[in-house]
């Protein structure tokens, strides 16, 4: 899926991840990200240090999804046209948000099903 980059969120800050609707609205200028949690040596060291000091080694994560209203039309915003991808008009056609979301879920289902088949069949 691309390059994995370790992320360290500064104390008192939040990590926000762009989704498919923001990518669509920006004509691909802001790309939807993938989320994966990996345990690194730094993670293990932090957990050991927390336990040694009587603290918790739990990872706390909150998820919040924000979607445009279902009847809103998603299309690249003209004010960002200078930043659009070259193929933005074709890649991000006008579509109602209520149609775009199920399309993404359908794609993800197909992607997961294909990955499972690879795992099962080798």
PDB file of N, CA and C in Angstrom:
ATOM      1  N   UNK A   1       0.816  -1.199   0.000  1.00  0.00           N
ATOM      2  CA  UNK A   1       0.000   0.000   0.000  1.00  0.00           C
ATOM      3  C   UNK A   1       0.850   1.248   0.000  1.00  0.00           C
ATOM      4  N   UNK A   2       2.145   1.093   0.076  1.00  0.00           N
ATOM      5  CA  UNK A   2       2.988   2.266   0.066  1.00  0.00           C
ATOM      6  C   UNK A   2       3.951   2.254   1.222  1.00  0.00           C
ATOM      7  N   UNK A   3       4.554   3.373   1.452  1.00  0.00           N
ATOM      8  CA  UNK A   3       5.561   3.527   2.481  1.00  0.00           C
ATOM      9  C   UNK A   3       4.908   3.649   3.858  1.00  0.00           C
ATOM     10  N   UNK A   4       5.385   2.859   4.806  1.00  0.00           N
ATOM     11  CA  UNK A   4       4.912   2.983   6.183  1.00  0.00           C
ATOM     12  C   UNK A   4       5.796   3.998   6.902  1.00  0.00           C
ATOM     13  N   UNK A   5       5.148   4.955   7.553  1.00  0.00           N
ATOM     14  CA  UNK A   5       5.872   6.016   8.248  1.00  0.00           C
ATOM     15  C   UNK A   5       5.467   6.000   9.715  1.00  0.00           C
ATOM     16  N   UNK A   6       6.436   5.776  10.622  1.00  0.00           N
ATOM     17  CA  UNK A   6       6.089   5.838  12.046  1.00  0.00           C
ATOM     18  C   UNK A   6       5.661   7.255  12.416  1.00  0.00           C
ATOM     19  N   UNK A   7       4.643   7.339  13.224  1.00  0.00           N
ATOM     20  CA  UNK A   7       4.108   8.639  13.620  1.00  0.00           C
ATOM     21  C   UNK A   7       4.189   8.771  15.130  1.00  0.00           C
ATOM     22  N   UNK A   8       4.679   9.898  15.577  1.00  0.00           N
ATOM     23  CA  UNK A   8       4.692  10.206  17.004  1.00  0.00           C
ATOM     24  C   UNK A   8       3.880  11.490  17.170  1.00  0.00           C
ATOM     25  N   UNK A   9       2.761  11.385  17.844  1.00  0.00           N
ATOM     26  CA  UNK A   9       1.879  12.535  18.039  1.00  0.00           C
ATOM     27  C   UNK A   9       2.377  13.309  19.261  1.00  0.00           C
ATOM     28  N   UNK A  10       2.670  14.588  19.099  1.00  0.00           N
ATOM     29  CA  UNK A  10       3.145  15.390  20.235  1.00  0.00           C
ATOM     30  C   UNK A  10       2.111  15.427  21.372  1.00  0.00           C
ATOM     31  N   UNK A  11       2.605  15.536  22.559  1.00  0.00           N
ATOM     32  CA  UNK A  11       1.752  15.630  23.750  1.00  0.00           C
ATOM     33  C   UNK A  11       0.728  16.745  23.574  1.00  0.00           C
ATOM     34  N   UNK A  12      -0.526  16.448  23.880  1.00  0.00           N
ATOM     35  CA  UNK A  12      -1.591  17.437  23.794  1.00  0.00           C
ATOM     36  C   UNK A  12      -2.148  17.649  22.397  1.00  0.00           C
ATOM     37  N   UNK A  13      -1.717  16.827  21.434  1.00  0.00           N
ATOM     38  CA  UNK A  13      -2.177  16.978  20.044  1.00  0.00           C
ATOM     39  C   UNK A  13      -3.018  15.782  19.623  1.00  0.00           C
ATOM     40  N   UNK A  14      -3.741  15.950  18.532  1.00  0.00           N
ATOM     41  CA  UNK A  14      -4.528  14.884  17.941  1.00  0.00           C
ATOM     42  C   UNK A  14      -3.989  14.561  16.565  1.00  0.00           C
ATOM     43  N   UNK A  15      -4.125  13.305  16.171  1.00  0.00           N
ATOM     44  CA  UNK A  15      -3.788  12.898  14.818  1.00  0.00           C
ATOM     45  C   UNK A  15      -5.091  12.761  14.054  1.00  0.00           C
ATOM     46  N   UNK A  16      -5.233  13.492  12.970  1.00  0.00           N
ATOM     47  CA  UNK A  16      -6.426  13.417  12.133  1.00  0.00           C
ATOM     48  C   UNK A  16      -6.049  12.798  10.803  1.00  0.00           C
ATOM     49  N   UNK A  17      -6.928  11.982  10.291  1.00  0.00           N
ATOM     50  CA  UNK A  17      -6.671  11.305   9.028  1.00  0.00           C
ATOM     51  C   UNK A  17      -7.745  11.680   8.025  1.00  0.00           C
ATOM     52  N   UNK A  18      -7.314  12.096   6.848  1.00  0.00           N
ATOM     53  CA  UNK A  18      -8.263  12.467   5.804  1.00  0.00           C
ATOM     54  C   UNK A  18      -8.914  11.229   5.224  1.00  0.00           C
ATOM     55  N   UNK A  19     -10.174  11.365   4.832  1.00  0.00           N
ATOM     56  CA  UNK A  19     -10.904  10.268   4.231  1.00  0.00           C
ATOM     57  C   UNK A  19     -11.231  10.530   2.775  1.00  0.00           C
ATOM     58  N   UNK A  20     -12.001   9.634   2.210  1.00  0.00           N
ATOM     59  CA  UNK A  20     -12.318   9.660   0.774  1.00  0.00           C
ATOM     60  C   UNK A  20     -13.101  10.904   0.361  1.00  0.00           C
ATOM     61  N   UNK A  21     -13.991  11.393   1.219  1.00  0.00           N
ATOM     62  CA  UNK A  21     -14.767  12.571   0.832  1.00  0.00           C
ATOM     63  C   UNK A  21     -13.885  13.811   0.748  1.00  0.00           C
ATOM     64  N   UNK A  22     -12.950  13.961   1.664  1.00  0.00           N
ATOM     65  CA  UNK A  22     -12.038  15.110   1.600  1.00  0.00           C
ATOM     66  C   UNK A  22     -11.138  14.999   0.371  1.00  0.00           C
ATOM     67  N   UNK A  23     -10.704  13.785   0.036  1.00  0.00           N
ATOM     68  CA  UNK A  23      -9.913  13.607  -1.187  1.00  0.00           C
ATOM     69  C   UNK A  23     -10.725  14.022  -2.407  1.00  0.00           C
ATOM     70  N   UNK A  24     -11.988  13.616  -2.449  1.00  0.00           N
ATOM     71  CA  UNK A  24     -12.867  13.951  -3.573  1.00  0.00           C
ATOM     72  C   UNK A  24     -13.044  15.465  -3.680  1.00  0.00           C
ATOM     73  N   UNK A  25     -13.328  16.122  -2.562  1.00  0.00           N
ATOM     74  CA  UNK A  25     -13.574  17.565  -2.561  1.00  0.00           C
ATOM     75  C   UNK A  25     -12.348  18.373  -2.943  1.00  0.00           C
ATOM     76  N   UNK A  26     -11.148  17.845  -2.645  1.00  0.00           N
ATOM     77  CA  UNK A  26      -9.916  18.580  -2.964  1.00  0.00           C
ATOM     78  C   UNK A  26      -9.311  18.143  -4.295  1.00  0.00           C
ATOM     79  N   UNK A  27     -10.033  17.344  -5.062  1.00  0.00           N
ATOM     80  CA  UNK A  27      -9.523  16.901  -6.353  1.00  0.00           C
ATOM     81  C   UNK A  27      -8.237  16.102  -6.238  1.00  0.00           C
ATOM     82  N   UNK A  28      -8.075  15.409  -5.121  1.00  0.00           N
ATOM     83  CA  UNK A  28      -6.893  14.583  -4.909  1.00  0.00           C
ATOM     84  C   UNK A  28      -5.718  15.306  -4.292  1.00  0.00           C
ATOM     85  N   UNK A  29      -5.880  16.607  -4.006  1.00  0.00           N
ATOM     86  CA  UNK A  29      -4.787  17.369  -3.386  1.00  0.00           C
ATOM     87  C   UNK A  29      -4.483  16.800  -1.998  1.00  0.00           C
ATOM     88  N   UNK A  30      -5.521  16.544  -1.221  1.00  0.00           N
ATOM     89  CA  UNK A  30      -5.379  15.844   0.057  1.00  0.00           C
ATOM     90  C   UNK A  30      -5.834  14.416  -0.198  1.00  0.00           C
ATOM     91  N   UNK A  31      -4.963  13.460   0.019  1.00  0.00           N
ATOM     92  CA  UNK A  31      -5.264  12.070  -0.274  1.00  0.00           C
ATOM     93  C   UNK A  31      -5.791  11.366   0.975  1.00  0.00           C
ATOM     94  N   UNK A  32      -6.751  10.479   0.774  1.00  0.00           N
ATOM     95  CA  UNK A  32      -7.260   9.652   1.869  1.00  0.00           C
ATOM     96  C   UNK A  32      -6.135   8.739   2.329  1.00  0.00           C
ATOM     97  N   UNK A  33      -6.001   8.604   3.622  1.00  0.00           N
ATOM     98  CA  UNK A  33      -4.927   7.775   4.164  1.00  0.00           C
ATOM     99  C   UNK A  33      -5.399   6.395   4.571  1.00  0.00           C
ATOM    100  N   UNK A  34      -4.445   5.523   4.730  1.00  0.00           N
ATOM    101  CA  UNK A  34      -4.703   4.194   5.269  1.00  0.00           C
ATOM    102  C   UNK A  34      -4.245   4.197   6.711  1.00  0.00           C
ATOM    103  N   UNK A  35      -4.895   3.400   7.526  1.00  0.00           N
ATOM    104  CA  UNK A  35      -4.559   3.350   8.942  1.00  0.00           C
ATOM    105  C   UNK A  35      -4.105   1.948   9.290  1.00  0.00           C
ATOM    106  N   UNK A  36      -2.955   1.865   9.923  1.00  0.00           N
ATOM    107  CA  UNK A  36      -2.445   0.582  10.374  1.00  0.00           C
ATOM    108  C   UNK A  36      -1.684   0.819  11.667  1.00  0.00           C
ATOM    109  N   UNK A  37      -1.941  -0.004  12.656  1.00  0.00           N
ATOM    110  CA  UNK A  37      -1.226   0.101  13.921  1.00  0.00           C
ATOM    111  C   UNK A  37      -0.192  -1.015  13.957  1.00  0.00           C
ATOM    112  N   UNK A  38       1.061  -0.634  14.138  1.00  0.00           N
ATOM    113  CA  UNK A  38       2.159  -1.596  14.224  1.00  0.00           C
ATOM    114  C   UNK A  38       2.841  -1.429  15.576  1.00  0.00           C
ATOM    115  N   UNK A  39       3.249  -2.533  16.147  1.00  0.00           N
ATOM    116  CA  UNK A  39       3.988  -2.481  17.407  1.00  0.00           C
ATOM    117  C   UNK A  39       5.469  -2.430  17.060  1.00  0.00           C
ATOM    118  N   UNK A  40       6.101  -1.358  17.480  1.00  0.00           N
ATOM    119  CA  UNK A  40       7.532  -1.182  17.223  1.00  0.00           C
ATOM    120  C   UNK A  40       8.302  -1.389  18.525  1.00  0.00           C
ATOM    121  N   UNK A  41       9.605  -1.410  18.418  1.00  0.00           N
ATOM    122  CA  UNK A  41      10.430  -1.531  19.629  1.00  0.00           C
ATOM    123  C   UNK A  41      10.174  -0.333  20.547  1.00  0.00           C
ATOM    124  N   UNK A  42       9.965   0.853  19.963  1.00  0.00           N
ATOM    125  CA  UNK A  42       9.669   2.050  20.763  1.00  0.00           C
ATOM    126  C   UNK A  42       8.368   1.864  21.550  1.00  0.00           C
ATOM    127  N   UNK A  43       7.372   1.220  20.922  1.00  0.00           N
ATOM    128  CA  UNK A  43       6.102   0.950  21.600  1.00  0.00           C
ATOM    129  C   UNK A  43       6.317   0.009  22.777  1.00  0.00           C
ATOM    130  N   UNK A  44       7.067  -1.057  22.543  1.00  0.00           N
ATOM    131  CA  UNK A  44       7.328  -2.034  23.611  1.00  0.00           C
ATOM    132  C   UNK A  44       8.101  -1.405  24.765  1.00  0.00           C
ATOM    133  N   UNK A  45       9.075  -0.561  24.446  1.00  0.00           N
ATOM    134  CA  UNK A  45       9.844   0.131  25.486  1.00  0.00           C
ATOM    135  C   UNK A  45       8.951   1.040  26.322  1.00  0.00           C
ATOM    136  N   UNK A  46       8.055   1.764  25.659  1.00  0.00           N
ATOM    137  CA  UNK A  46       7.139   2.657  26.386  1.00  0.00           C
ATOM    138  C   UNK A  46       6.216   1.855  27.291  1.00  0.00           C
ATOM    139  N   UNK A  47       5.727   0.701  26.825  1.00  0.00           N
ATOM    140  CA  UNK A  47       4.845  -0.143  27.643  1.00  0.00           C
ATOM    141  C   UNK A  47       5.603  -0.683  28.853  1.00  0.00           C
ATOM    142  N   UNK A  48       6.835  -1.141  28.649  1.00  0.00           N
ATOM    143  CA  UNK A  48       7.642  -1.654  29.774  1.00  0.00           C
ATOM    144  C   UNK A  48       7.910  -0.550  30.790  1.00  0.00           C
ATOM    145  N   UNK A  49       8.243   0.635  30.306  1.00  0.00           N
ATOM    146  CA  UNK A  49       8.526   1.758  31.204  1.00  0.00           C
ATOM    147  C   UNK A  49       7.280   2.139  31.997  1.00  0.00           C
ATOM    148  N   UNK A  50       6.128   2.147  31.354  1.00  0.00           N
ATOM    149  CA  UNK A  50       4.877   2.485  32.048  1.00  0.00           C
ATOM    150  C   UNK A  50       4.582   1.466  33.136  1.00  0.00           C
ATOM    151  N   UNK A  51       4.719   0.190  32.818  1.00  0.00           N
ATOM    152  CA  UNK A  51       4.453  -0.865  33.824  1.00  0.00           C
ATOM    153  C   UNK A  51       5.453  -0.770  34.970  1.00  0.00           C
ATOM    154  N   UNK A  52       6.717  -0.506  34.663  1.00  0.00           N
ATOM    155  CA  UNK A  52       7.755  -0.400  35.697  1.00  0.00           C
ATOM    156  C   UNK A  52       7.469   0.751  36.655  1.00  0.00           C
ATOM    157  N   UNK A  53       6.818   1.799  36.155  1.00  0.00           N
ATOM    158  CA  UNK A  53       6.475   2.961  36.993  1.00  0.00           C
ATOM    159  C   UNK A  53       5.082   2.861  37.573  1.00  0.00           C
ATOM    160  N   UNK A  54       4.448   1.682  37.474  1.00  0.00           N
ATOM    161  CA  UNK A  54       3.113   1.491  38.025  1.00  0.00           C
ATOM    162  C   UNK A  54       2.008   2.070  37.170  1.00  0.00           C
ATOM    163  N   UNK A  55       2.324   2.460  35.953  1.00  0.00           N
ATOM    164  CA  UNK A  55       1.320   3.038  35.054  1.00  0.00           C
ATOM    165  C   UNK A  55       0.681   1.995  34.158  1.00  0.00           C
ATOM    166  N   UNK A  56      -0.213   2.447  33.329  1.00  0.00           N
ATOM    167  CA  UNK A  56      -0.922   1.578  32.402  1.00  0.00           C
ATOM    168  C   UNK A  56      -0.180   1.496  31.069  1.00  0.00           C
ATOM    169  N   UNK A  57      -0.214   0.315  30.481  1.00  0.00           N
ATOM    170  CA  UNK A  57       0.406   0.150  29.167  1.00  0.00           C
ATOM    171  C   UNK A  57      -0.658   0.051  28.073  1.00  0.00           C
ATOM    172  N   UNK A  58      -1.876   0.442  28.402  1.00  0.00           N
ATOM    173  CA  UNK A  58      -2.968   0.395  27.429  1.00  0.00           C
ATOM    174  C   UNK A  58      -2.795   1.475  26.383  1.00  0.00           C
ATOM    175  N   UNK A  59      -3.204   1.156  25.168  1.00  0.00           N
ATOM    176  CA  UNK A  59      -3.261   2.142  24.094  1.00  0.00           C
ATOM    177  C   UNK A  59      -4.722   2.567  23.973  1.00  0.00           C
ATOM    178  N   UNK A  60      -4.965   3.847  24.102  1.00  0.00           N
ATOM    179  CA  UNK A  60      -6.334   4.362  24.012  1.00  0.00           C
ATOM    180  C   UNK A  60      -6.494   5.064  22.673  1.00  0.00           C
ATOM    181  N   UNK A  61      -7.555   4.699  21.966  1.00  0.00           N
ATOM    182  CA  UNK A  61      -7.794   5.277  20.652  1.00  0.00           C
ATOM    183  C   UNK A  61      -9.270   5.604  20.516  1.00  0.00           C
ATOM    184  N   UNK A  62      -9.580   6.751  20.007  1.00  0.00           N
ATOM    185  CA  UNK A  62     -10.968   7.131  19.736  1.00  0.00           C
ATOM    186  C   UNK A  62     -11.111   7.383  18.246  1.00  0.00           C
ATOM    187  N   UNK A  63     -12.211   6.962  17.709  1.00  0.00           N
ATOM    188  CA  UNK A  63     -12.474   7.150  16.291  1.00  0.00           C
ATOM    189  C   UNK A  63     -13.725   7.995  16.123  1.00  0.00           C
ATOM    190  N   UNK A  64     -13.641   8.944  15.221  1.00  0.00           N
ATOM    191  CA  UNK A  64     -14.800   9.766  14.897  1.00  0.00           C
ATOM    192  C   UNK A  64     -14.830   9.923  13.382  1.00  0.00           C
ATOM    193  N   UNK A  65     -15.957   9.625  12.803  1.00  0.00           N
ATOM    194  CA  UNK A  65     -16.114   9.768  11.359  1.00  0.00           C
ATOM    195  C   UNK A  65     -17.020  10.958  11.085  1.00  0.00           C
ATOM    196  N   UNK A  66     -16.656  11.753  10.113  1.00  0.00           N
ATOM    197  CA  UNK A  66     -17.470  12.884   9.703  1.00  0.00           C
ATOM    198  C   UNK A  66     -17.783  12.705   8.220  1.00  0.00           C
ATOM    199  N   UNK A  67     -19.063  12.696   7.897  1.00  0.00           N
ATOM    200  CA  UNK A  67     -19.482  12.538   6.509  1.00  0.00           C
ATOM    201  C   UNK A  67     -20.332  13.731   6.089  1.00  0.00           C
ATOM    202  N   UNK A  68     -20.259  14.056   4.814  1.00  0.00           N
ATOM    203  CA  UNK A  68     -21.149  15.072   4.256  1.00  0.00           C
ATOM    204  C   UNK A  68     -22.571  14.508   4.250  1.00  0.00           C
ATOM    205  N   UNK A  69     -23.564  15.380   4.259  1.00  0.00           N
ATOM    206  CA  UNK A  69     -24.958  14.941   4.185  1.00  0.00           C
ATOM    207  C   UNK A  69     -25.154  14.105   2.922  1.00  0.00           C
ATOM    208  N   UNK A  70     -25.994  13.091   3.020  1.00  0.00           N
ATOM    209  CA  UNK A  70     -26.193  12.150   1.914  1.00  0.00           C
ATOM    210  C   UNK A  70     -26.614  12.810   0.610  1.00  0.00           C
ATOM    211  N   UNK A  71     -27.370  13.898   0.703  1.00  0.00           N
ATOM    212  CA  UNK A  71     -27.834  14.545  -0.534  1.00  0.00           C
ATOM    213  C   UNK A  71     -26.879  15.640  -1.029  1.00  0.00           C
ATOM    214  N   UNK A  72     -25.747  15.822  -0.346  1.00  0.00           N
ATOM    215  CA  UNK A  72     -24.737  16.788  -0.806  1.00  0.00           C
ATOM    216  C   UNK A  72     -24.001  16.225  -2.012  1.00  0.00           C
ATOM    217  N   UNK A  73     -23.709  17.094  -2.957  1.00  0.00           N
ATOM    218  CA  UNK A  73     -22.954  16.680  -4.144  1.00  0.00           C
ATOM    219  C   UNK A  73     -21.470  16.867  -3.853  1.00  0.00           C
ATOM    220  N   UNK A  74     -20.718  15.789  -4.014  1.00  0.00           N
ATOM    221  CA  UNK A  74     -19.265  15.839  -3.871  1.00  0.00           C
ATOM    222  C   UNK A  74     -18.655  16.071  -5.247  1.00  0.00           C
ATOM    223  N   UNK A  75     -17.860  17.088  -5.368  1.00  0.00           N
ATOM    224  CA  UNK A  75     -17.097  17.342  -6.587  1.00  0.00           C
ATOM    225  C   UNK A  75     -15.933  18.231  -6.188  1.00  0.00           C
ATOM    226  N   UNK A  76     -14.841  18.161  -6.939  1.00  0.00           N
ATOM    227  CA  UNK A  76     -13.693  18.986  -6.591  1.00  0.00           C
ATOM    228  C   UNK A  76     -14.069  20.465  -6.492  1.00  0.00           C
ATOM    229  N   UNK A  77     -13.652  21.093  -5.414  1.00  0.00           N
ATOM    230  CA  UNK A  77     -13.967  22.502  -5.168  1.00  0.00           C
ATOM    231  C   UNK A  77     -13.161  23.388  -6.115  1.00  0.00           C
ATOM    232  N   UNK A  78     -13.842  24.274  -6.804  1.00  0.00           N
ATOM    233  CA  UNK A  78     -13.181  25.106  -7.816  1.00  0.00           C
ATOM    234  C   UNK A  78     -12.099  25.998  -7.212  1.00  0.00           C
ATOM    235  N   UNK A  79     -12.242  26.383  -5.959  1.00  0.00           N
ATOM    236  CA  UNK A  79     -11.239  27.226  -5.317  1.00  0.00           C
ATOM    237  C   UNK A  79      -9.898  26.535  -5.131  1.00  0.00           C
ATOM    238  N   UNK A  80      -9.887  25.209  -5.251  1.00  0.00           N
ATOM    239  CA  UNK A  80      -8.646  24.447  -5.119  1.00  0.00           C
ATOM    240  C   UNK A  80      -8.141  23.939  -6.469  1.00  0.00           C
ATOM    241  N   UNK A  81      -8.701  24.433  -7.550  1.00  0.00           N
ATOM    242  CA  UNK A  81      -8.392  23.906  -8.885  1.00  0.00           C
ATOM    243  C   UNK A  81      -6.886  23.912  -9.182  1.00  0.00           C
ATOM    244  N   UNK A  82      -6.172  24.891  -8.696  1.00  0.00           N
ATOM    245  CA  UNK A  82      -4.727  24.963  -8.935  1.00  0.00           C
ATOM    246  C   UNK A  82      -3.990  23.771  -8.316  1.00  0.00           C
ATOM    247  N   UNK A  83      -4.623  23.107  -7.350  1.00  0.00           N
ATOM    248  CA  UNK A  83      -3.983  21.993  -6.650  1.00  0.00           C
ATOM    249  C   UNK A  83      -4.521  20.629  -7.064  1.00  0.00           C
ATOM    250  N   UNK A  84      -5.525  20.597  -7.924  1.00  0.00           N
ATOM    251  CA  UNK A  84      -6.112  19.324  -8.328  1.00  0.00           C
ATOM    252  C   UNK A  84      -5.075  18.435  -8.992  1.00  0.00           C
ATOM    253  N   UNK A  85      -5.301  17.122  -8.886  1.00  0.00           N
ATOM    254  CA  UNK A  85      -4.521  16.175  -9.674  1.00  0.00           C
ATOM    255  C   UNK A  85      -4.859  16.404 -11.145  1.00  0.00           C
ATOM    256  N   UNK A  86      -3.961  16.041 -12.031  1.00  0.00           N
ATOM    257  CA  UNK A  86      -4.182  16.254 -13.471  1.00  0.00           C
ATOM    258  C   UNK A  86      -5.447  15.555 -13.961  1.00  0.00           C
ATOM    259  N   UNK A  87      -5.772  14.417 -13.381  1.00  0.00           N
ATOM    260  CA  UNK A  87      -6.943  13.638 -13.813  1.00  0.00           C
ATOM    261  C   UNK A  87      -8.160  13.854 -12.903  1.00  0.00           C
ATOM    262  N   UNK A  88      -8.185  14.957 -12.155  1.00  0.00           N
ATOM    263  CA  UNK A  88      -9.229  15.181 -11.149  1.00  0.00           C
ATOM    264  C   UNK A  88     -10.640  15.147 -11.726  1.00  0.00           C
ATOM    265  N   UNK A  89     -10.843  15.749 -12.901  1.00  0.00           N
ATOM    266  CA  UNK A  89     -12.191  15.811 -13.472  1.00  0.00           C
ATOM    267  C   UNK A  89     -12.717  14.409 -13.754  1.00  0.00           C
ATOM    268  N   UNK A  90     -11.861  13.508 -14.242  1.00  0.00           N
ATOM    269  CA  UNK A  90     -12.277  12.135 -14.525  1.00  0.00           C
ATOM    270  C   UNK A  90     -12.308  11.263 -13.272  1.00  0.00           C
ATOM    271  N   UNK A  91     -11.330  11.443 -12.399  1.00  0.00           N
ATOM    272  CA  UNK A  91     -11.220  10.597 -11.205  1.00  0.00           C
ATOM    273  C   UNK A  91     -12.245  10.948 -10.130  1.00  0.00           C
ATOM    274  N   UNK A  92     -12.638  12.213 -10.068  1.00  0.00           N
ATOM    275  CA  UNK A  92     -13.551  12.680  -9.025  1.00  0.00           C
ATOM    276  C   UNK A  92     -14.775  13.349  -9.644  1.00  0.00           C
ATOM    277  N   UNK A  93     -15.623  12.591 -10.338  1.00  0.00           N
ATOM    278  CA  UNK A  93     -16.818  13.188 -10.939  1.00  0.00           C
ATOM    279  C   UNK A  93     -17.825  13.571  -9.857  1.00  0.00           C
ATOM    280  N   UNK A  94     -18.746  14.470 -10.197  1.00  0.00           N
ATOM    281  CA  UNK A  94     -19.799  14.862  -9.254  1.00  0.00           C
ATOM    282  C   UNK A  94     -20.606  13.621  -8.877  1.00  0.00           C
ATOM    283  N   UNK A  95     -20.806  13.438  -7.580  1.00  0.00           N
ATOM    284  CA  UNK A  95     -21.550  12.284  -7.070  1.00  0.00           C
ATOM    285  C   UNK A  95     -22.170  12.677  -5.733  1.00  0.00           C
ATOM    286  N   UNK A  96     -23.358  12.182  -5.462  1.00  0.00           N
ATOM    287  CA  UNK A  96     -23.973  12.452  -4.157  1.00  0.00           C
ATOM    288  C   UNK A  96     -23.234  11.652  -3.088  1.00  0.00           C
ATOM    289  N   UNK A  97     -23.051  12.273  -1.928  1.00  0.00           N
ATOM    290  CA  UNK A  97     -22.344  11.611  -0.828  1.00  0.00           C
ATOM    291  C   UNK A  97     -23.022  10.297  -0.450  1.00  0.00           C
ATOM    292  N   UNK A  98     -24.336  10.269  -0.530  1.00  0.00           N
ATOM    293  CA  UNK A  98     -25.075   9.053  -0.188  1.00  0.00           C
ATOM    294  C   UNK A  98     -24.840   7.918  -1.165  1.00  0.00           C
ATOM    295  N   UNK A  99     -24.305   8.212  -2.332  1.00  0.00           N
ATOM    296  CA  UNK A  99     -23.936   7.187  -3.308  1.00  0.00           C
ATOM    297  C   UNK A  99     -22.466   6.836  -3.166  1.00  0.00           C
ATOM    298  N   UNK A 100     -21.644   7.822  -2.890  1.00  0.00           N
ATOM    299  CA  UNK A 100     -20.205   7.614  -2.794  1.00  0.00           C
ATOM    300  C   UNK A 100     -19.839   6.692  -1.633  1.00  0.00           C
ATOM    301  N   UNK A 101     -20.461   6.865  -0.484  1.00  0.00           N
ATOM    302  CA  UNK A 101     -20.120   6.056   0.687  1.00  0.00           C
ATOM    303  C   UNK A 101     -20.367   4.568   0.436  1.00  0.00           C
ATOM    304  N   UNK A 102     -21.554   4.154  -0.041  1.00  0.00           N
ATOM    305  CA  UNK A 102     -21.729   2.727  -0.327  1.00  0.00           C
ATOM    306  C   UNK A 102     -20.765   2.204  -1.397  1.00  0.00           C
ATOM    307  N   UNK A 103     -20.408   3.056  -2.381  1.00  0.00           N
ATOM    308  CA  UNK A 103     -19.431   2.638  -3.390  1.00  0.00           C
ATOM    309  C   UNK A 103     -18.088   2.306  -2.749  1.00  0.00           C
ATOM    310  N   UNK A 104     -17.663   3.122  -1.789  1.00  0.00           N
ATOM    311  CA  UNK A 104     -16.395   2.877  -1.080  1.00  0.00           C
ATOM    312  C   UNK A 104     -16.495   1.577  -0.291  1.00  0.00           C
ATOM    313  N   UNK A 105     -17.610   1.374   0.417  1.00  0.00           N
ATOM    314  CA  UNK A 105     -17.770   0.141   1.189  1.00  0.00           C
ATOM    315  C   UNK A 105     -17.776  -1.076   0.276  1.00  0.00           C
ATOM    316  N   UNK A 106     -18.393  -0.956  -0.892  1.00  0.00           N
ATOM    317  CA  UNK A 106     -18.412  -2.058  -1.861  1.00  0.00           C
ATOM    318  C   UNK A 106     -16.988  -2.370  -2.316  1.00  0.00           C
ATOM    319  N   UNK A 107     -16.211  -1.339  -2.628  1.00  0.00           N
ATOM    320  CA  UNK A 107     -14.820  -1.525  -3.033  1.00  0.00           C
ATOM    321  C   UNK A 107     -14.021  -2.198  -1.919  1.00  0.00           C
ATOM    322  N   UNK A 108     -14.186  -1.710  -0.678  1.00  0.00           N
ATOM    323  CA  UNK A 108     -13.450  -2.294   0.448  1.00  0.00           C
ATOM    324  C   UNK A 108     -13.822  -3.749   0.659  1.00  0.00           C
ATOM    325  N   UNK A 109     -15.100  -4.069   0.505  1.00  0.00           N
ATOM    326  CA  UNK A 109     -15.543  -5.458   0.654  1.00  0.00           C
ATOM    327  C   UNK A 109     -14.852  -6.338  -0.395  1.00  0.00           C
ATOM    328  N   UNK A 110     -14.796  -5.864  -1.640  1.00  0.00           N
ATOM    329  CA  UNK A 110     -14.137  -6.623  -2.700  1.00  0.00           C
ATOM    330  C   UNK A 110     -12.647  -6.779  -2.420  1.00  0.00           C
ATOM    331  N   UNK A 111     -12.025  -5.716  -1.913  1.00  0.00           N
ATOM    332  CA  UNK A 111     -10.605  -5.738  -1.588  1.00  0.00           C
ATOM    333  C   UNK A 111     -10.323  -6.753  -0.487  1.00  0.00           C
ATOM    334  N   UNK A 112     -11.129  -6.728   0.574  1.00  0.00           N
ATOM    335  CA  UNK A 112     -10.949  -7.661   1.694  1.00  0.00           C
ATOM    336  C   UNK A 112     -11.215  -9.087   1.237  1.00  0.00           C
ATOM    337  N   UNK A 113     -12.256  -9.284   0.440  1.00  0.00           N
ATOM    338  CA  UNK A 113     -12.567 -10.627  -0.056  1.00  0.00           C
ATOM    339  C   UNK A 113     -11.411 -11.170  -0.890  1.00  0.00           C
ATOM    340  N   UNK A 114     -10.828 -10.340  -1.745  1.00  0.00           N
ATOM    341  CA  UNK A 114      -9.693 -10.781  -2.565  1.00  0.00           C
ATOM    342  C   UNK A 114      -8.479 -11.099  -1.692  1.00  0.00           C
ATOM    343  N   UNK A 115      -8.226 -10.286  -0.673  1.00  0.00           N
ATOM    344  CA  UNK A 115      -7.104 -10.535   0.232  1.00  0.00           C
ATOM    345  C   UNK A 115      -7.304 -11.834   0.994  1.00  0.00           C
ATOM    346  N   UNK A 116      -8.529 -12.094   1.439  1.00  0.00           N
ATOM    347  CA  UNK A 116      -8.803 -13.349   2.138  1.00  0.00           C
ATOM    348  C   UNK A 116      -8.588 -14.550   1.228  1.00  0.00           C
ATOM    349  N   UNK A 117      -8.996 -14.418  -0.027  1.00  0.00           N
ATOM    350  CA  UNK A 117      -8.790 -15.509  -0.982  1.00  0.00           C
ATOM    351  C   UNK A 117      -7.288 -15.781  -1.172  1.00  0.00           C
ATOM    352  N   UNK A 118      -6.487 -14.731  -1.216  1.00  0.00           N
ATOM    353  CA  UNK A 118      -5.042 -14.904  -1.337  1.00  0.00           C
ATOM    354  C   UNK A 118      -4.492 -15.629  -0.127  1.00  0.00           C
ATOM    355  N   UNK A 119      -4.992 -15.287   1.066  1.00  0.00           N
ATOM    356  CA  UNK A 119      -4.532 -15.951   2.294  1.00  0.00           C
ATOM    357  C   UNK A 119      -4.933 -17.424   2.297  1.00  0.00           C
ATOM    358  N   UNK A 120      -6.149 -17.696   1.863  1.00  0.00           N
ATOM    359  CA  UNK A 120      -6.661 -19.069   1.883  1.00  0.00           C
ATOM    360  C   UNK A 120      -5.982 -19.922   0.807  1.00  0.00           C
ATOM    361  N   UNK A 121      -5.853 -19.367  -0.387  1.00  0.00           N
ATOM    362  CA  UNK A 121      -5.326 -20.138  -1.520  1.00  0.00           C
ATOM    363  C   UNK A 121      -3.819 -20.011  -1.709  1.00  0.00           C
ATOM    364  N   UNK A 122      -3.233 -19.062  -0.992  1.00  0.00           N
ATOM    365  CA  UNK A 122      -1.782 -18.883  -1.112  1.00  0.00           C
ATOM    366  C   UNK A 122      -1.405 -18.119  -2.262  1.00  0.00           C
TER     367      UNK A 122
END
